[in-house]
Amino acid sequence: MLLVAKLSLTLLNPRKTPSLPRPDVARLVQDAELQDLYNITVQNKFASLGVLPDDVEESWISFSHVIRSSAEEVIGPARRACKPWLSTDTIDVIKKKAKTKIQNTVERKRLQGVFKARAKHDREVFLNNLCDELETDIVY
């Protein structure tokens, strides 16, 4: 007897664990007062930590926790930079669109069209101004 079988498997994508928000290091580098406050916070947390354990892994975990928690308290998470060419009116439309996302799909679609038109206009103005600046810099 001969036995023939067909087997098909569907592989699932592994779920990614959410990563921790990264601190805004650029803000820390630029602001001297923030640097002083961060240094003081780290020093205080290390002073309260006491003696580190002998195990390297446990020492690393406690060290890492002190640095991360100090950064979260003092610096805060890095914010996403928005496009430089968007005007404040266009950003207001984005916020309105986000508010209506759950409530009203018709209004959201209308705001999506308004956003696209304003973003296109803002980008055009931004690029024209940039080209004008470059032309004046080249001439002089």
N, C-alpha and C. Protein backbone atom coordinates (compact mmCIF):
# COMPACT_ATOMS: atom_id res chain seq x y z
N MET A 1 0.82 -1.18 0.00
CA MET A 1 0.00 0.00 0.00
C MET A 1 0.86 1.25 0.00
N LEU A 2 0.39 2.19 -0.70
CA LEU A 2 1.09 3.47 -0.81
C LEU A 2 0.20 4.56 -0.23
N LEU A 3 0.79 5.37 0.64
CA LEU A 3 0.05 6.44 1.29
C LEU A 3 0.61 7.78 0.81
N VAL A 4 -0.26 8.62 0.29
CA VAL A 4 0.14 9.94 -0.19
C VAL A 4 -0.67 10.97 0.60
N ALA A 5 0.05 12.00 1.07
CA ALA A 5 -0.62 13.05 1.83
C ALA A 5 -0.14 14.41 1.36
N LYS A 6 -1.02 15.36 1.41
CA LYS A 6 -0.68 16.74 1.08
C LYS A 6 -0.80 17.54 2.35
N LEU A 7 0.26 18.29 2.65
CA LEU A 7 0.29 19.07 3.87
C LEU A 7 0.59 20.51 3.52
N SER A 8 -0.24 21.42 4.02
CA SER A 8 0.02 22.84 3.79
C SER A 8 -0.03 23.56 5.14
N LEU A 9 0.96 24.40 5.34
CA LEU A 9 1.06 25.16 6.57
C LEU A 9 1.00 26.65 6.27
N THR A 10 0.34 27.37 7.12
CA THR A 10 0.33 28.82 7.03
C THR A 10 1.12 29.34 8.21
N LEU A 11 2.21 30.03 7.92
CA LEU A 11 3.05 30.55 8.97
C LEU A 11 2.53 31.90 9.43
N LEU A 12 2.49 32.08 10.72
CA LEU A 12 2.03 33.34 11.28
C LEU A 12 3.21 34.25 11.55
N ASN A 13 2.99 35.53 11.37
CA ASN A 13 4.03 36.50 11.71
C ASN A 13 4.10 36.62 13.22
N PRO A 14 5.31 36.61 13.78
CA PRO A 14 5.39 36.78 15.23
C PRO A 14 4.99 38.20 15.62
N ARG A 15 4.32 38.31 16.75
CA ARG A 15 3.90 39.63 17.20
C ARG A 15 5.08 40.36 17.79
N LYS A 16 5.20 41.60 17.42
CA LYS A 16 6.29 42.41 17.94
C LYS A 16 5.89 43.00 19.28
N THR A 17 6.82 42.97 20.19
CA THR A 17 6.55 43.60 21.48
C THR A 17 6.75 45.10 21.32
N PRO A 18 5.88 45.89 21.93
CA PRO A 18 6.03 47.34 21.78
C PRO A 18 7.32 47.82 22.42
N SER A 19 8.04 48.66 21.70
CA SER A 19 9.30 49.16 22.22
C SER A 19 9.03 50.37 23.12
N LEU A 20 9.95 50.61 24.02
CA LEU A 20 9.83 51.74 24.92
C LEU A 20 10.12 53.03 24.16
N PRO A 21 9.42 54.10 24.48
CA PRO A 21 9.71 55.37 23.78
C PRO A 21 11.11 55.85 24.14
N ARG A 22 11.80 56.32 23.13
CA ARG A 22 13.17 56.80 23.34
C ARG A 22 13.16 58.23 23.87
N PRO A 23 14.11 58.53 24.75
CA PRO A 23 14.16 59.90 25.28
C PRO A 23 14.66 60.87 24.21
N ASP A 24 14.31 62.13 24.38
CA ASP A 24 14.68 63.17 23.43
C ASP A 24 16.10 63.65 23.75
N VAL A 25 17.09 62.91 23.25
CA VAL A 25 18.49 63.19 23.55
C VAL A 25 18.93 64.52 22.94
N ALA A 26 18.38 64.89 21.81
CA ALA A 26 18.75 66.16 21.17
C ALA A 26 18.42 67.34 22.08
N ARG A 27 17.28 67.25 22.76
CA ARG A 27 16.90 68.32 23.69
C ARG A 27 17.86 68.37 24.87
N LEU A 28 18.32 67.21 25.32
CA LEU A 28 19.26 67.15 26.43
C LEU A 28 20.59 67.78 26.05
N VAL A 29 21.05 67.54 24.84
CA VAL A 29 22.33 68.07 24.39
C VAL A 29 22.28 69.59 24.26
N GLN A 30 21.15 70.14 23.85
CA GLN A 30 21.05 71.57 23.60
C GLN A 30 20.81 72.40 24.85
N ASP A 31 20.16 71.84 25.87
CA ASP A 31 19.74 72.62 27.04
C ASP A 31 20.65 72.32 28.24
N ALA A 32 21.40 73.33 28.70
CA ALA A 32 22.34 73.15 29.81
C ALA A 32 21.61 72.93 31.13
N GLU A 33 20.49 73.61 31.34
CA GLU A 33 19.73 73.42 32.57
C GLU A 33 19.17 72.01 32.66
N LEU A 34 18.71 71.49 31.54
CA LEU A 34 18.19 70.13 31.49
C LEU A 34 19.30 69.12 31.78
N GLN A 35 20.50 69.40 31.29
CA GLN A 35 21.65 68.52 31.57
C GLN A 35 21.94 68.48 33.06
N ASP A 36 21.94 69.64 33.71
CA ASP A 36 22.20 69.70 35.15
C ASP A 36 21.13 68.94 35.93
N LEU A 37 19.88 69.14 35.56
CA LEU A 37 18.79 68.46 36.24
C LEU A 37 18.88 66.95 36.05
N TYR A 38 19.23 66.52 34.84
CA TYR A 38 19.38 65.09 34.55
C TYR A 38 20.54 64.51 35.37
N ASN A 39 21.67 65.22 35.42
CA ASN A 39 22.82 64.74 36.20
C ASN A 39 22.46 64.59 37.68
N ILE A 40 21.75 65.56 38.22
CA ILE A 40 21.36 65.51 39.63
C ILE A 40 20.42 64.32 39.88
N THR A 41 19.47 64.12 38.97
CA THR A 41 18.52 63.02 39.13
C THR A 41 19.23 61.67 39.09
N VAL A 42 20.16 61.51 38.16
CA VAL A 42 20.90 60.25 38.07
C VAL A 42 21.75 60.03 39.31
N GLN A 43 22.42 61.08 39.79
CA GLN A 43 23.24 60.95 41.00
C GLN A 43 22.39 60.57 42.21
N ASN A 44 21.23 61.19 42.35
CA ASN A 44 20.36 60.87 43.48
C ASN A 44 19.86 59.43 43.41
N LYS A 45 19.52 58.98 42.22
CA LYS A 45 19.03 57.60 42.09
C LYS A 45 20.13 56.59 42.36
N PHE A 46 21.35 56.89 41.91
CA PHE A 46 22.45 55.97 42.20
C PHE A 46 22.79 55.97 43.68
N ALA A 47 22.67 57.12 44.34
CA ALA A 47 22.94 57.19 45.77
C ALA A 47 21.92 56.37 46.56
N SER A 48 20.66 56.42 46.12
CA SER A 48 19.63 55.65 46.81
C SER A 48 19.68 54.16 46.46
N LEU A 49 20.37 53.83 45.38
CA LEU A 49 20.47 52.43 44.94
C LEU A 49 21.31 51.61 45.91
N GLY A 50 22.35 52.21 46.45
CA GLY A 50 23.21 51.48 47.39
C GLY A 50 24.24 50.65 46.66
N VAL A 51 24.57 49.52 47.23
CA VAL A 51 25.59 48.63 46.67
C VAL A 51 24.97 47.79 45.55
N LEU A 52 25.67 47.71 44.43
CA LEU A 52 25.18 46.91 43.31
C LEU A 52 25.39 45.43 43.61
N PRO A 53 24.51 44.56 43.12
CA PRO A 53 24.68 43.12 43.34
C PRO A 53 25.90 42.59 42.60
N ASP A 54 26.36 41.42 43.03
CA ASP A 54 27.55 40.82 42.42
C ASP A 54 27.28 40.27 41.03
N ASP A 55 26.07 39.85 40.78
CA ASP A 55 25.71 39.30 39.48
C ASP A 55 25.71 40.41 38.43
N VAL A 56 26.36 40.15 37.30
CA VAL A 56 26.49 41.16 36.25
C VAL A 56 25.13 41.50 35.65
N GLU A 57 24.30 40.50 35.43
CA GLU A 57 22.98 40.74 34.83
C GLU A 57 22.12 41.62 35.73
N GLU A 58 22.10 41.31 37.01
CA GLU A 58 21.30 42.11 37.95
C GLU A 58 21.85 43.53 38.06
N SER A 59 23.17 43.66 38.04
CA SER A 59 23.77 44.99 38.08
C SER A 59 23.39 45.80 36.84
N TRP A 60 23.43 45.15 35.68
CA TRP A 60 23.08 45.83 34.45
C TRP A 60 21.61 46.25 34.46
N ILE A 61 20.74 45.38 34.95
CA ILE A 61 19.31 45.70 34.98
C ILE A 61 19.06 46.91 35.89
N SER A 62 19.68 46.93 37.06
CA SER A 62 19.47 48.06 37.97
C SER A 62 20.08 49.34 37.39
N PHE A 63 21.26 49.25 36.78
CA PHE A 63 21.91 50.41 36.15
C PHE A 63 21.05 50.95 35.01
N SER A 64 20.58 50.05 34.18
CA SER A 64 19.75 50.44 33.04
C SER A 64 18.45 51.08 33.52
N HIS A 65 17.86 50.52 34.56
CA HIS A 65 16.61 51.07 35.08
C HIS A 65 16.81 52.49 35.61
N VAL A 66 17.91 52.74 36.29
CA VAL A 66 18.18 54.08 36.82
C VAL A 66 18.32 55.08 35.68
N ILE A 67 19.07 54.73 34.66
CA ILE A 67 19.28 55.64 33.52
C ILE A 67 17.98 55.90 32.78
N ARG A 68 17.22 54.83 32.48
CA ARG A 68 15.97 54.99 31.74
C ARG A 68 14.93 55.78 32.53
N SER A 69 14.77 55.46 33.80
CA SER A 69 13.75 56.16 34.58
C SER A 69 14.12 57.64 34.76
N SER A 70 15.40 57.93 34.91
CA SER A 70 15.83 59.33 35.00
C SER A 70 15.54 60.07 33.70
N ALA A 71 15.81 59.42 32.60
CA ALA A 71 15.55 60.04 31.29
C ALA A 71 14.06 60.27 31.08
N GLU A 72 13.24 59.30 31.48
CA GLU A 72 11.79 59.47 31.33
C GLU A 72 11.27 60.63 32.18
N GLU A 73 11.78 60.74 33.41
CA GLU A 73 11.32 61.81 34.30
C GLU A 73 11.75 63.19 33.83
N VAL A 74 13.03 63.32 33.49
CA VAL A 74 13.59 64.65 33.21
C VAL A 74 13.40 65.06 31.76
N ILE A 75 13.80 64.20 30.84
CA ILE A 75 13.83 64.58 29.43
C ILE A 75 12.48 64.39 28.77
N GLY A 76 11.85 63.25 28.99
CA GLY A 76 10.60 62.93 28.33
C GLY A 76 10.86 62.26 27.00
N PRO A 77 9.81 61.70 26.39
CA PRO A 77 10.00 60.99 25.13
C PRO A 77 10.23 61.94 23.96
N ALA A 78 10.92 61.45 22.95
CA ALA A 78 11.15 62.25 21.74
C ALA A 78 9.84 62.39 20.99
N ARG A 79 9.59 63.56 20.51
CA ARG A 79 8.37 63.81 19.75
C ARG A 79 8.68 63.67 18.27
N ARG A 80 7.69 63.19 17.56
CA ARG A 80 7.85 63.09 16.12
C ARG A 80 7.85 64.49 15.52
N ALA A 81 8.79 64.72 14.66
CA ALA A 81 8.86 66.03 14.01
C ALA A 81 7.87 66.05 12.85
N CYS A 82 7.07 67.09 12.78
CA CYS A 82 6.14 67.18 11.67
C CYS A 82 6.85 67.83 10.48
N LYS A 83 6.23 67.74 9.37
CA LYS A 83 6.81 68.28 8.14
C LYS A 83 7.00 69.79 8.27
N PRO A 84 8.15 70.31 7.88
CA PRO A 84 8.40 71.75 8.08
C PRO A 84 7.54 72.63 7.19
N TRP A 85 6.98 72.09 6.15
CA TRP A 85 6.22 72.93 5.24
C TRP A 85 4.75 73.07 5.64
N LEU A 86 4.28 72.30 6.61
CA LEU A 86 2.88 72.39 6.99
C LEU A 86 2.64 73.65 7.83
N SER A 87 1.62 74.38 7.46
CA SER A 87 1.27 75.59 8.21
C SER A 87 0.47 75.21 9.45
N THR A 88 0.28 76.17 10.34
CA THR A 88 -0.48 75.89 11.57
C THR A 88 -1.94 75.58 11.26
N ASP A 89 -2.48 76.20 10.21
CA ASP A 89 -3.86 75.89 9.83
C ASP A 89 -4.00 74.44 9.37
N THR A 90 -3.02 73.96 8.64
CA THR A 90 -3.04 72.58 8.17
C THR A 90 -2.90 71.61 9.33
N ILE A 91 -2.07 71.95 10.30
CA ILE A 91 -1.91 71.10 11.48
C ILE A 91 -3.20 71.07 12.29
N ASP A 92 -3.92 72.21 12.33
CA ASP A 92 -5.22 72.24 13.00
C ASP A 92 -6.22 71.31 12.31
N VAL A 93 -6.16 71.27 10.98
CA VAL A 93 -7.04 70.36 10.24
C VAL A 93 -6.71 68.91 10.58
N ILE A 94 -5.42 68.60 10.73
CA ILE A 94 -5.02 67.24 11.11
C ILE A 94 -5.60 66.88 12.47
N LYS A 95 -5.52 67.80 13.42
CA LYS A 95 -6.06 67.54 14.77
C LYS A 95 -7.57 67.36 14.74
N LYS A 96 -8.26 68.18 13.94
CA LYS A 96 -9.72 68.02 13.82
C LYS A 96 -10.07 66.68 13.20
N LYS A 97 -9.28 66.30 12.20
CA LYS A 97 -9.52 65.02 11.53
C LYS A 97 -9.32 63.85 12.49
N ALA A 98 -8.32 63.96 13.36
CA ALA A 98 -8.08 62.90 14.35
C ALA A 98 -9.23 62.81 15.34
N LYS A 99 -9.81 63.95 15.71
CA LYS A 99 -10.93 63.93 16.65
C LYS A 99 -12.17 63.30 16.04
N THR A 100 -12.38 63.52 14.75
CA THR A 100 -13.58 63.00 14.09
C THR A 100 -13.40 61.58 13.60
N LYS A 101 -12.24 61.00 13.82
CA LYS A 101 -11.97 59.66 13.32
C LYS A 101 -12.98 58.65 13.84
N ILE A 102 -13.30 58.72 15.11
CA ILE A 102 -14.21 57.76 15.71
C ILE A 102 -15.67 58.16 15.48
N GLN A 103 -15.93 59.45 15.50
CA GLN A 103 -17.31 59.93 15.52
C GLN A 103 -17.99 59.91 14.16
N ASN A 104 -17.39 60.55 13.17
CA ASN A 104 -18.13 60.81 11.94
C ASN A 104 -17.23 60.57 10.73
N THR A 105 -17.57 59.58 9.92
CA THR A 105 -16.73 59.26 8.77
C THR A 105 -16.91 60.26 7.63
N VAL A 106 -18.10 60.83 7.48
CA VAL A 106 -18.33 61.79 6.40
C VAL A 106 -17.51 63.05 6.63
N GLU A 107 -17.53 63.55 7.86
CA GLU A 107 -16.76 64.74 8.19
C GLU A 107 -15.27 64.47 8.06
N ARG A 108 -14.86 63.28 8.43
CA ARG A 108 -13.43 62.92 8.33
C ARG A 108 -12.99 62.89 6.86
N LYS A 109 -13.83 62.35 6.01
CA LYS A 109 -13.49 62.32 4.58
C LYS A 109 -13.38 63.74 4.02
N ARG A 110 -14.28 64.62 4.46
CA ARG A 110 -14.22 66.01 4.01
C ARG A 110 -12.93 66.67 4.49
N LEU A 111 -12.59 66.42 5.76
CA LEU A 111 -11.36 66.99 6.30
C LEU A 111 -10.11 66.40 5.63
N GLN A 112 -10.20 65.15 5.21
CA GLN A 112 -9.07 64.55 4.49
C GLN A 112 -8.82 65.28 3.18
N GLY A 113 -9.89 65.63 2.47
CA GLY A 113 -9.74 66.39 1.24
C GLY A 113 -9.19 67.79 1.49
N VAL A 114 -9.68 68.42 2.56
CA VAL A 114 -9.19 69.76 2.91
C VAL A 114 -7.70 69.67 3.26
N PHE A 115 -7.34 68.65 4.03
CA PHE A 115 -5.93 68.48 4.40
C PHE A 115 -5.05 68.29 3.18
N LYS A 116 -5.45 67.44 2.27
CA LYS A 116 -4.63 67.19 1.07
C LYS A 116 -4.42 68.47 0.27
N ALA A 117 -5.48 69.25 0.11
CA ALA A 117 -5.38 70.49 -0.66
C ALA A 117 -4.46 71.49 0.04
N ARG A 118 -4.64 71.65 1.35
CA ARG A 118 -3.80 72.60 2.07
C ARG A 118 -2.35 72.14 2.14
N ALA A 119 -2.13 70.84 2.34
CA ALA A 119 -0.76 70.33 2.41
C ALA A 119 -0.05 70.52 1.08
N LYS A 120 -0.77 70.30 -0.01
CA LYS A 120 -0.18 70.50 -1.33
C LYS A 120 0.19 71.96 -1.54
N HIS A 121 -0.71 72.86 -1.15
CA HIS A 121 -0.45 74.30 -1.28
C HIS A 121 0.73 74.72 -0.38
N ASP A 122 0.72 74.25 0.87
CA ASP A 122 1.79 74.61 1.80
C ASP A 122 3.15 74.12 1.31
N ARG A 123 3.18 72.93 0.77
CA ARG A 123 4.45 72.38 0.27
C ARG A 123 4.94 73.18 -0.93
N GLU A 124 4.02 73.56 -1.80
CA GLU A 124 4.38 74.37 -2.97
C GLU A 124 4.97 75.71 -2.52
N VAL A 125 4.34 76.34 -1.54
CA VAL A 125 4.83 77.63 -1.04
C VAL A 125 6.20 77.45 -0.38
N PHE A 126 6.34 76.39 0.42
CA PHE A 126 7.61 76.12 1.10
C PHE A 126 8.75 75.91 0.10
N LEU A 127 8.51 75.10 -0.92
CA LEU A 127 9.55 74.83 -1.91
C LEU A 127 9.88 76.07 -2.73
N ASN A 128 8.87 76.89 -3.05
CA ASN A 128 9.13 78.13 -3.78
C ASN A 128 9.99 79.08 -2.95
N ASN A 129 9.67 79.20 -1.67
CA ASN A 129 10.47 80.06 -0.79
C ASN A 129 11.89 79.55 -0.66
N LEU A 130 12.03 78.24 -0.57
CA LEU A 130 13.35 77.64 -0.48
C LEU A 130 14.17 77.90 -1.75
N CYS A 131 13.52 77.77 -2.90
CA CYS A 131 14.21 78.05 -4.17
C CYS A 131 14.59 79.53 -4.27
N ASP A 132 13.71 80.40 -3.82
CA ASP A 132 14.02 81.83 -3.85
C ASP A 132 15.23 82.15 -2.96
N GLU A 133 15.28 81.54 -1.78
CA GLU A 133 16.43 81.74 -0.89
C GLU A 133 17.72 81.25 -1.54
N LEU A 134 17.66 80.10 -2.17
CA LEU A 134 18.85 79.56 -2.83
C LEU A 134 19.29 80.45 -3.98
N GLU A 135 18.35 80.96 -4.73
CA GLU A 135 18.70 81.84 -5.84
C GLU A 135 19.37 83.12 -5.35
N THR A 136 18.84 83.71 -4.28
CA THR A 136 19.46 84.94 -3.76
C THR A 136 20.83 84.65 -3.15
N ASP A 137 21.01 83.48 -2.55
CA ASP A 137 22.33 83.13 -1.99
C ASP A 137 23.35 82.89 -3.10
N ILE A 138 22.92 82.33 -4.20
CA ILE A 138 23.83 82.06 -5.32
C ILE A 138 24.25 83.36 -5.98
N VAL A 139 23.30 84.30 -6.13
CA VAL A 139 23.60 85.57 -6.79
C VAL A 139 24.58 86.39 -5.98
N TYR A 140 24.44 86.42 -4.67
CA TYR A 140 25.31 87.25 -3.84
C TYR A 140 26.42 86.43 -3.34
